[in-house]
N, C-alpha and C. Protein backbone atom coordinates (compact mmCIF):
# COMPACT_ATOMS: atom_id res chain seq x y z
N MET A 1 -8.79 -15.15 1.77
CA MET A 1 -7.11 -14.93 2.02
C MET A 1 -6.75 -14.14 0.72
N THR A 2 -5.67 -13.33 1.07
CA THR A 2 -4.97 -12.59 0.15
C THR A 2 -4.17 -13.49 -0.79
N GLN A 3 -4.16 -13.20 -2.15
CA GLN A 3 -3.61 -13.92 -3.07
C GLN A 3 -2.07 -13.30 -3.19
N ASN A 4 -1.09 -14.18 -3.16
CA ASN A 4 0.30 -13.72 -3.51
C ASN A 4 0.49 -13.43 -4.90
N ASN A 5 0.94 -12.19 -5.27
CA ASN A 5 0.97 -11.75 -6.66
C ASN A 5 2.36 -11.58 -7.07
N ALA A 6 3.26 -12.51 -6.60
CA ALA A 6 4.63 -12.45 -6.85
C ALA A 6 4.93 -12.35 -8.39
N GLY A 7 4.11 -13.02 -9.20
CA GLY A 7 4.20 -13.06 -10.66
C GLY A 7 3.93 -11.77 -11.32
N GLY A 8 3.76 -10.71 -10.65
CA GLY A 8 3.64 -9.44 -11.21
C GLY A 8 2.29 -9.06 -11.81
N ARG A 9 1.22 -9.72 -11.26
CA ARG A 9 -0.16 -9.63 -11.96
C ARG A 9 -0.92 -8.35 -11.43
N GLY A 10 -0.44 -7.84 -10.26
CA GLY A 10 -1.12 -6.68 -9.75
C GLY A 10 -2.30 -7.20 -8.89
N ALA A 11 -3.22 -6.45 -8.55
CA ALA A 11 -4.26 -6.83 -7.62
C ALA A 11 -5.43 -5.93 -7.65
N ASP A 12 -6.71 -6.44 -7.68
CA ASP A 12 -7.98 -5.67 -7.56
C ASP A 12 -7.93 -4.90 -6.22
N TYR A 13 -8.10 -3.62 -6.26
CA TYR A 13 -8.22 -2.87 -5.11
C TYR A 13 -9.51 -2.21 -5.08
N THR A 14 -10.25 -2.35 -4.01
CA THR A 14 -11.66 -1.85 -3.80
C THR A 14 -11.63 -1.10 -2.51
N GLY A 15 -11.71 0.13 -2.36
CA GLY A 15 -11.70 0.87 -1.05
C GLY A 15 -12.20 2.11 -1.08
N ARG A 16 -12.18 2.72 -0.04
CA ARG A 16 -12.69 4.31 0.07
C ARG A 16 -11.43 5.19 0.46
N ALA A 17 -11.38 6.30 0.07
CA ALA A 17 -10.19 7.21 0.35
C ALA A 17 -10.64 8.68 0.41
N PRO A 18 -10.35 9.55 1.13
CA PRO A 18 -10.68 10.87 1.17
C PRO A 18 -10.01 11.61 -0.01
N ARG A 19 -10.72 12.55 -0.58
CA ARG A 19 -10.10 13.30 -1.78
C ARG A 19 -9.31 14.44 -1.21
N PRO A 20 -7.96 14.65 -1.40
CA PRO A 20 -7.21 15.54 -0.69
C PRO A 20 -7.50 16.98 -1.34
N ASP A 21 -8.08 17.01 -2.44
CA ASP A 21 -8.50 18.38 -3.25
C ASP A 21 -9.47 19.16 -2.73
N GLY A 22 -10.16 18.70 -1.43
CA GLY A 22 -11.36 19.27 -1.08
C GLY A 22 -12.64 19.24 -2.04
N ASP A 23 -12.64 18.29 -2.84
CA ASP A 23 -13.73 18.05 -3.81
C ASP A 23 -14.96 17.80 -2.87
N ALA A 24 -16.20 18.09 -3.30
CA ALA A 24 -17.38 17.92 -2.61
C ALA A 24 -17.52 16.35 -2.40
N ARG A 25 -17.09 15.51 -3.19
CA ARG A 25 -17.27 14.15 -3.06
C ARG A 25 -16.01 13.65 -2.00
N VAL A 26 -16.62 13.52 -0.79
CA VAL A 26 -15.73 13.32 0.40
C VAL A 26 -14.93 11.94 0.22
N GLU A 27 -15.68 10.88 -0.28
CA GLU A 27 -15.14 9.60 -0.55
C GLU A 27 -15.34 9.26 -2.06
N HIS A 28 -14.23 8.41 -2.46
CA HIS A 28 -14.27 8.15 -3.83
C HIS A 28 -14.19 6.59 -3.78
N ARG A 29 -15.08 6.04 -4.68
CA ARG A 29 -15.01 4.52 -4.65
C ARG A 29 -13.96 4.01 -5.62
N LEU A 30 -12.98 3.26 -5.35
CA LEU A 30 -12.02 2.74 -6.21
C LEU A 30 -12.42 1.21 -6.65
N SER A 31 -11.95 0.90 -7.76
CA SER A 31 -12.01 -0.41 -8.23
C SER A 31 -11.07 -0.59 -9.40
N GLU A 32 -9.88 -0.72 -9.03
CA GLU A 32 -8.66 -0.47 -10.07
C GLU A 32 -7.72 -1.64 -9.85
N ARG A 33 -7.01 -1.84 -10.98
CA ARG A 33 -6.03 -2.73 -10.86
C ARG A 33 -4.69 -1.98 -10.44
N ILE A 34 -4.05 -2.30 -9.39
CA ILE A 34 -2.61 -1.75 -9.10
C ILE A 34 -1.69 -2.82 -9.59
N PRO A 35 -0.81 -2.28 -10.64
CA PRO A 35 0.11 -3.11 -11.14
C PRO A 35 1.22 -3.17 -10.40
N CYS A 36 1.98 -4.37 -10.31
CA CYS A 36 3.32 -4.39 -9.66
C CYS A 36 4.45 -3.75 -10.36
N ASP A 37 5.41 -3.37 -9.59
CA ASP A 37 6.52 -2.49 -9.95
C ASP A 37 6.06 -1.23 -10.67
N LEU A 38 5.19 -0.55 -9.87
CA LEU A 38 4.62 0.85 -10.40
C LEU A 38 5.27 1.91 -9.37
N GLN A 39 5.83 2.93 -10.15
CA GLN A 39 6.39 3.99 -9.50
C GLN A 39 5.48 4.91 -8.84
N VAL A 40 5.53 5.27 -7.54
CA VAL A 40 4.50 6.15 -6.87
C VAL A 40 5.01 7.07 -6.23
N HIS A 41 4.27 8.19 -5.82
CA HIS A 41 4.52 9.19 -4.90
C HIS A 41 3.96 8.91 -3.60
N VAL A 42 4.91 9.09 -2.69
CA VAL A 42 4.61 8.85 -1.24
C VAL A 42 4.77 10.00 -0.30
N ARG A 43 3.82 10.34 0.63
CA ARG A 43 3.88 11.27 1.61
C ARG A 43 4.10 10.74 2.96
N PHE A 44 5.25 11.02 3.65
CA PHE A 44 5.50 10.45 4.96
C PHE A 44 6.04 11.53 5.85
N ARG A 45 5.38 11.73 6.92
CA ARG A 45 6.00 12.78 7.83
C ARG A 45 6.06 14.16 7.32
N ASP A 46 5.02 14.45 6.57
CA ASP A 46 4.90 15.78 5.90
C ASP A 46 6.04 16.07 4.68
N GLN A 47 6.72 14.98 4.38
CA GLN A 47 7.63 15.02 3.16
C GLN A 47 7.37 14.23 2.18
N GLU A 48 7.65 14.53 0.80
CA GLU A 48 7.53 13.71 -0.31
C GLU A 48 8.62 12.74 -0.49
N LEU A 49 8.27 11.46 -0.65
CA LEU A 49 9.43 10.53 -0.90
C LEU A 49 9.54 10.22 -2.36
N ASP A 50 10.82 10.38 -3.03
CA ASP A 50 11.03 10.16 -4.32
C ASP A 50 11.49 8.77 -4.57
N GLY A 51 11.34 8.13 -5.82
CA GLY A 51 11.80 6.97 -6.11
C GLY A 51 11.01 5.68 -5.63
N CYS A 52 9.92 5.88 -4.80
CA CYS A 52 9.29 4.80 -4.32
C CYS A 52 8.50 3.93 -5.33
N ARG A 53 8.38 2.65 -5.09
CA ARG A 53 7.48 1.84 -6.08
C ARG A 53 7.06 0.80 -5.25
N ILE A 54 5.79 0.36 -5.86
CA ILE A 54 4.96 -0.77 -5.39
C ILE A 54 5.43 -2.09 -5.89
N LEU A 55 6.09 -3.01 -5.18
CA LEU A 55 6.59 -4.19 -5.54
C LEU A 55 5.62 -5.34 -5.77
N ASN A 56 4.53 -5.27 -5.11
CA ASN A 56 3.50 -6.30 -4.95
C ASN A 56 2.24 -5.76 -4.39
N ALA A 57 1.11 -6.25 -4.89
CA ALA A 57 -0.25 -5.65 -4.37
C ALA A 57 -1.25 -6.58 -4.15
N ALA A 58 -2.24 -6.23 -3.33
CA ALA A 58 -3.30 -7.08 -2.90
C ALA A 58 -4.36 -6.22 -2.66
N ALA A 59 -5.69 -6.79 -2.49
CA ALA A 59 -6.77 -5.97 -2.08
C ALA A 59 -6.39 -5.16 -0.72
N GLU A 60 -5.93 -5.74 0.16
CA GLU A 60 -5.76 -4.85 1.48
C GLU A 60 -4.63 -3.98 1.37
N GLY A 61 -3.54 -3.88 0.49
CA GLY A 61 -2.58 -3.04 0.69
C GLY A 61 -1.53 -3.30 -0.37
N VAL A 62 -0.18 -2.81 -0.12
CA VAL A 62 0.79 -3.02 -1.01
C VAL A 62 2.13 -3.39 -0.37
N LEU A 63 3.05 -3.79 -1.14
CA LEU A 63 4.51 -3.92 -0.52
C LEU A 63 5.18 -2.95 -1.23
N LEU A 64 5.57 -1.85 -0.39
CA LEU A 64 6.24 -0.61 -0.98
C LEU A 64 7.84 -0.70 -0.64
N GLU A 65 8.43 -0.02 -1.69
CA GLU A 65 10.01 -0.02 -1.44
C GLU A 65 10.24 1.59 -1.72
N CYS A 66 11.02 2.11 -0.75
CA CYS A 66 11.39 3.46 -0.71
C CYS A 66 12.77 3.63 -0.59
N PRO A 67 13.70 3.59 -1.52
CA PRO A 67 15.27 3.60 -1.42
C PRO A 67 15.68 4.82 -0.55
N GLY A 68 16.59 4.31 0.38
CA GLY A 68 17.02 5.31 1.27
C GLY A 68 16.15 5.75 2.44
N GLN A 69 15.08 5.26 2.63
CA GLN A 69 14.11 5.61 3.41
C GLN A 69 13.46 4.42 4.20
N GLU A 70 13.83 4.29 5.57
CA GLU A 70 13.13 3.26 6.42
C GLU A 70 11.92 3.84 6.99
N ILE A 71 10.76 3.18 6.80
CA ILE A 71 9.41 3.57 7.16
C ILE A 71 9.05 2.58 8.48
N PRO A 72 9.07 2.90 9.78
CA PRO A 72 8.86 2.15 10.79
C PRO A 72 7.31 1.58 10.93
N PRO A 73 6.96 0.47 11.34
CA PRO A 73 5.79 0.01 11.59
C PRO A 73 4.94 0.90 12.54
N GLY A 74 3.62 1.03 12.31
CA GLY A 74 2.76 1.86 13.18
C GLY A 74 2.68 3.39 12.57
N HIS A 75 3.37 3.63 11.65
CA HIS A 75 3.24 4.99 11.01
C HIS A 75 2.27 4.99 9.89
N GLY A 76 1.62 6.06 9.56
CA GLY A 76 0.83 6.15 8.42
C GLY A 76 1.46 6.86 7.33
N LEU A 77 1.10 6.62 6.17
CA LEU A 77 1.50 7.43 5.09
C LEU A 77 0.55 7.39 3.95
N GLU A 78 0.73 8.28 2.85
CA GLU A 78 -0.06 8.50 1.80
C GLU A 78 0.60 8.11 0.48
N ILE A 79 -0.20 7.21 -0.27
CA ILE A 79 0.46 6.72 -1.50
C ILE A 79 -0.35 7.29 -2.64
N ALA A 80 0.17 8.01 -3.72
CA ALA A 80 -0.71 8.49 -4.76
C ALA A 80 -0.85 7.27 -5.82
N LEU A 81 -2.01 6.84 -5.95
CA LEU A 81 -2.41 5.80 -7.00
C LEU A 81 -2.97 6.36 -8.22
N PRO A 82 -2.79 5.77 -9.43
CA PRO A 82 -3.33 6.34 -10.76
C PRO A 82 -4.91 6.51 -10.51
N ASP A 83 -5.30 7.59 -11.06
CA ASP A 83 -6.83 7.87 -10.94
C ASP A 83 -7.75 6.74 -11.69
N PRO A 84 -8.56 6.26 -10.92
CA PRO A 84 -9.36 5.14 -11.56
C PRO A 84 -10.24 5.63 -12.77
N GLU A 85 -10.55 6.99 -12.76
CA GLU A 85 -11.47 7.56 -13.60
C GLU A 85 -10.68 7.91 -14.93
N GLY A 86 -9.30 7.90 -14.93
CA GLY A 86 -8.47 8.32 -15.87
C GLY A 86 -8.46 9.76 -16.24
N LYS A 87 -8.70 10.55 -15.29
CA LYS A 87 -8.73 12.00 -15.48
C LYS A 87 -7.28 12.59 -15.36
N GLY A 88 -6.35 11.80 -14.91
CA GLY A 88 -5.09 12.38 -14.76
C GLY A 88 -4.56 12.64 -13.15
N ALA A 89 -5.42 13.17 -12.42
CA ALA A 89 -4.95 13.57 -11.22
C ALA A 89 -4.86 12.18 -10.25
N PRO A 90 -3.75 12.19 -9.52
CA PRO A 90 -3.70 10.77 -8.67
C PRO A 90 -4.55 10.84 -7.50
N LEU A 91 -5.01 9.69 -7.11
CA LEU A 91 -5.82 9.55 -5.96
C LEU A 91 -4.85 9.17 -4.80
N TRP A 92 -4.82 10.06 -3.63
CA TRP A 92 -3.94 9.66 -2.43
C TRP A 92 -4.67 8.84 -1.49
N VAL A 93 -3.99 7.67 -1.21
CA VAL A 93 -4.68 6.70 -0.32
C VAL A 93 -3.79 6.64 0.90
N TRP A 94 -4.58 6.65 2.16
CA TRP A 94 -3.74 6.54 3.37
C TRP A 94 -3.70 5.10 3.64
N GLY A 95 -2.52 4.75 4.32
CA GLY A 95 -2.19 3.30 4.69
C GLY A 95 -1.40 3.24 5.92
N LEU A 96 -1.51 2.21 6.65
CA LEU A 96 -0.63 1.99 7.91
C LEU A 96 0.48 1.01 7.50
N VAL A 97 1.69 1.31 7.90
CA VAL A 97 2.92 0.46 7.81
C VAL A 97 2.68 -0.62 8.94
N VAL A 98 2.40 -1.89 8.45
CA VAL A 98 2.29 -2.82 9.41
C VAL A 98 3.42 -3.88 9.53
N HIS A 99 4.39 -3.76 8.72
CA HIS A 99 5.59 -4.52 8.87
C HIS A 99 6.73 -3.88 7.92
N ASN A 100 7.98 -3.94 8.22
CA ASN A 100 8.99 -3.50 7.39
C ASN A 100 10.27 -4.28 7.51
N ALA A 101 11.01 -4.20 6.46
CA ALA A 101 12.47 -4.63 6.55
C ALA A 101 13.32 -3.84 5.75
N GLY A 102 13.98 -2.80 6.39
CA GLY A 102 14.81 -1.82 5.76
C GLY A 102 13.93 -0.90 4.95
N GLU A 103 14.25 -0.81 3.48
CA GLU A 103 13.55 0.02 2.73
C GLU A 103 12.17 -0.51 2.07
N ARG A 104 11.86 -1.59 2.59
CA ARG A 104 10.48 -2.30 2.00
C ARG A 104 9.55 -2.21 3.27
N ALA A 105 8.35 -1.99 3.00
CA ALA A 105 7.35 -2.05 3.89
C ALA A 105 5.97 -2.51 3.42
N GLY A 106 5.30 -3.06 4.27
CA GLY A 106 3.92 -3.72 4.09
C GLY A 106 2.89 -2.61 4.55
N VAL A 107 2.21 -2.05 3.64
CA VAL A 107 1.37 -0.91 3.91
C VAL A 107 -0.12 -1.48 3.72
N PHE A 108 -0.86 -1.32 4.70
CA PHE A 108 -2.23 -1.93 4.95
C PHE A 108 -3.33 -0.93 4.76
N PHE A 109 -4.20 -1.09 3.84
CA PHE A 109 -5.18 -0.08 3.49
C PHE A 109 -6.55 -0.38 4.33
N GLY A 110 -6.78 -1.64 4.65
CA GLY A 110 -8.04 -2.13 5.17
C GLY A 110 -8.27 -1.92 6.71
N PRO A 111 -9.34 -2.23 7.22
CA PRO A 111 -9.40 -2.15 8.82
C PRO A 111 -8.38 -3.18 9.40
N ILE A 112 -8.00 -2.68 10.47
CA ILE A 112 -7.12 -3.43 11.22
C ILE A 112 -7.84 -4.56 12.08
N SER A 113 -7.58 -5.84 11.54
CA SER A 113 -8.16 -6.89 12.08
C SER A 113 -7.38 -8.15 11.85
N GLY A 114 -7.85 -9.34 11.95
CA GLY A 114 -7.18 -10.58 11.70
C GLY A 114 -6.68 -10.58 10.14
N THR A 115 -7.26 -9.84 9.30
CA THR A 115 -7.08 -9.79 8.05
C THR A 115 -5.59 -9.29 7.73
N ALA A 116 -5.04 -8.42 8.61
CA ALA A 116 -3.74 -7.60 8.52
C ALA A 116 -2.64 -8.84 8.53
N HIS A 117 -2.96 -9.82 9.23
CA HIS A 117 -1.92 -10.97 9.34
C HIS A 117 -1.85 -11.72 8.02
N HIS A 118 -3.03 -11.96 7.44
CA HIS A 118 -2.98 -12.52 6.13
C HIS A 118 -2.30 -11.71 5.02
N PHE A 119 -2.59 -10.42 5.15
CA PHE A 119 -1.95 -9.47 4.19
C PHE A 119 -0.51 -9.59 4.30
N ILE A 120 0.05 -9.54 5.64
CA ILE A 120 1.39 -9.52 5.75
C ILE A 120 2.06 -10.78 5.26
N GLU A 121 1.47 -11.83 5.59
CA GLU A 121 2.04 -13.30 5.26
C GLU A 121 2.04 -13.31 3.78
N ALA A 122 1.04 -12.92 3.05
CA ALA A 122 0.91 -13.29 1.54
C ALA A 122 1.97 -12.22 0.76
N LEU A 123 1.83 -11.03 1.17
CA LEU A 123 2.66 -10.12 0.53
C LEU A 123 4.11 -10.19 0.78
N CYS A 124 4.31 -10.22 2.05
CA CYS A 124 5.84 -10.10 2.54
C CYS A 124 6.64 -11.40 2.63
N HIS A 125 6.06 -12.53 2.70
CA HIS A 125 6.68 -13.70 2.96
C HIS A 125 7.92 -13.94 1.96
N HIS A 126 7.59 -13.82 0.52
CA HIS A 126 8.64 -14.01 -0.40
C HIS A 126 9.44 -12.72 -0.77
N HIS A 127 9.11 -11.69 -0.24
CA HIS A 127 9.75 -10.35 -0.66
C HIS A 127 10.74 -9.87 0.49
N LEU A 128 10.40 -10.07 1.75
CA LEU A 128 11.19 -9.57 2.89
C LEU A 128 12.15 -10.53 3.40
N GLU A 129 13.32 -9.98 3.93
CA GLU A 129 14.48 -10.92 4.36
C GLU A 129 14.14 -11.35 5.90
N VAL A 130 13.06 -10.88 6.45
CA VAL A 130 12.65 -11.42 7.83
C VAL A 130 11.30 -12.05 7.74
N PRO A 131 11.05 -12.99 8.53
CA PRO A 131 9.77 -13.61 8.56
C PRO A 131 8.71 -12.53 9.01
N PRO A 132 7.35 -12.91 8.63
CA PRO A 132 6.32 -12.00 9.07
C PRO A 132 6.08 -12.31 10.51
N PRO A 133 5.45 -11.25 11.36
CA PRO A 133 5.25 -11.48 12.67
C PRO A 133 4.28 -12.62 13.12
N ALA A 134 4.58 -13.22 14.14
CA ALA A 134 3.67 -14.30 14.61
C ALA A 134 2.13 -13.85 14.82
N ARG A 135 1.24 -14.82 14.38
CA ARG A 135 -0.14 -14.65 14.57
C ARG A 135 -0.52 -14.30 15.89
N ARG A 136 -1.29 -13.36 16.14
CA ARG A 136 -1.85 -13.03 17.46
C ARG A 136 -3.29 -13.47 17.53
N ASN A 137 -3.52 -13.96 18.72
CA ASN A 137 -5.03 -14.27 18.94
C ASN A 137 -5.84 -13.36 19.72
């Protein structure tokens, strides 16, 4: 089960993401701490969103806030995470918006399964003003 990191500890993230720069390494293995309250660049509907930040993080995704922008569930977006190799170039990771409340959105990186509900419950429960969706069987 996903751990709620409301205390600002960040989360270990391990996943695969395509490299947007066309590098021969099609997939890049991540094993990185995503700190909470991290300013990030976001691409949504072919535009860059400024002022976004990660409020909370877990292995499966993040709770993202983008002032002035509502990102509806069911849409994909890209988030630039710090390069785990420390070479300076950000690593763009694709995620699916699975829940939102105004300017805050739960973005899921993992495969869509029963895990998505645990992610939503753990990350969004204390941060969003609306309850997470009901569990589906």
